[in-house]
Amino acid sequence: MKHYFTIFINGDPFNCDFSMSLSDILRYLDIDVNNVIIEYNNDIINKIQFNSLFFKPQDSIEIITIVGGG
């Protein structure tokens, strides 16, 4: 039996399975982890934590895309 709950990604609700890590969610959303900064409940998360970070209901992440230019 699947257990889903809602987290918020950039302010929008996202139904998440309890077994999904941050890395799983970013892969699901097709986000290149090399070009983003992730803020989890107002704290910046180091990329080495992406596989070990799991969510609780109502958690919030902000995905900030790094854009190069010149």
Protein backbone atom coordinates (compact mmCIF):
# COMPACT_ATOMS: atom_id res chain seq x y z
CA MET A 1 0.00 0.00 0.00
CA LYS A 2 1.35 3.39 -1.02
CA HIS A 3 1.46 6.22 1.50
CA TYR A 4 1.27 9.68 -0.05
CA PHE A 5 1.32 13.08 1.56
CA THR A 6 1.67 16.66 0.36
CA ILE A 7 4.84 18.72 0.34
CA PHE A 8 5.27 22.11 -1.30
CA ILE A 9 7.69 22.75 -4.16
CA ASN A 10 8.18 26.44 -4.97
CA GLY A 11 4.88 27.06 -3.18
CA ASP A 12 2.88 24.50 -5.19
CA PRO A 13 1.46 21.33 -3.61
CA PHE A 14 3.13 18.07 -4.68
CA ASN A 15 1.91 14.60 -3.72
CA CYS A 16 4.91 12.65 -2.55
CA ASP A 17 5.33 8.99 -1.61
CA PHE A 18 6.92 8.65 1.84
CA SER A 19 9.78 6.62 0.30
CA MET A 20 10.88 9.39 -2.12
CA SER A 21 14.11 11.17 -1.32
CA LEU A 22 14.92 14.67 -2.52
CA SER A 23 17.05 13.07 -5.23
CA ASP A 24 14.07 10.93 -6.37
CA ILE A 25 11.81 13.98 -6.61
CA LEU A 26 14.35 16.00 -8.58
CA ARG A 27 14.82 13.06 -10.97
CA TYR A 28 11.01 12.71 -11.30
CA LEU A 29 10.75 16.42 -12.14
CA ASP A 30 13.65 16.08 -14.63
CA ILE A 31 15.74 18.70 -12.84
CA ASP A 32 19.50 18.82 -13.42
CA VAL A 33 20.97 18.71 -9.91
CA ASN A 34 24.18 20.36 -11.16
CA ASN A 35 22.35 23.61 -11.90
CA VAL A 36 20.18 24.10 -8.82
CA ILE A 37 20.30 25.17 -5.22
CA ILE A 38 17.72 23.58 -2.95
CA GLU A 39 16.24 25.30 0.07
CA TYR A 40 14.50 22.88 2.44
CA ASN A 41 12.33 24.46 5.15
CA ASN A 42 14.40 27.65 4.81
CA ASP A 43 17.82 25.92 4.95
CA ILE A 44 20.17 25.45 1.98
CA ILE A 45 20.83 21.74 1.40
CA ASN A 46 24.22 20.42 0.30
CA LYS A 47 24.09 18.16 -2.78
CA ILE A 48 25.59 15.26 -0.78
CA GLN A 49 22.36 15.22 1.27
CA PHE A 50 20.00 14.83 -1.71
CA ASN A 51 19.88 11.00 -1.45
CA SER A 52 19.39 10.93 2.31
CA LEU A 53 16.80 13.70 2.69
CA PHE A 54 13.25 12.38 3.10
CA PHE A 55 10.18 14.50 3.67
CA LYS A 56 7.43 14.89 6.22
CA PRO A 57 3.94 16.15 5.40
CA GLN A 58 3.81 19.90 4.75
CA ASP A 59 7.58 20.25 4.24
CA SER A 60 8.62 22.91 1.78
CA ILE A 61 11.40 23.06 -0.80
CA GLU A 62 12.40 25.86 -3.11
CA ILE A 63 14.28 24.91 -6.25
CA ILE A 64 16.52 27.75 -7.39
CA THR A 65 17.97 27.34 -10.87
CA ILE A 66 21.45 28.69 -11.51
CA VAL A 67 21.63 30.42 -14.87
CA GLY A 68 24.91 31.34 -16.47
CA GLY A 69 25.27 34.15 -18.91
CA GLY A 70 27.54 36.71 -20.26
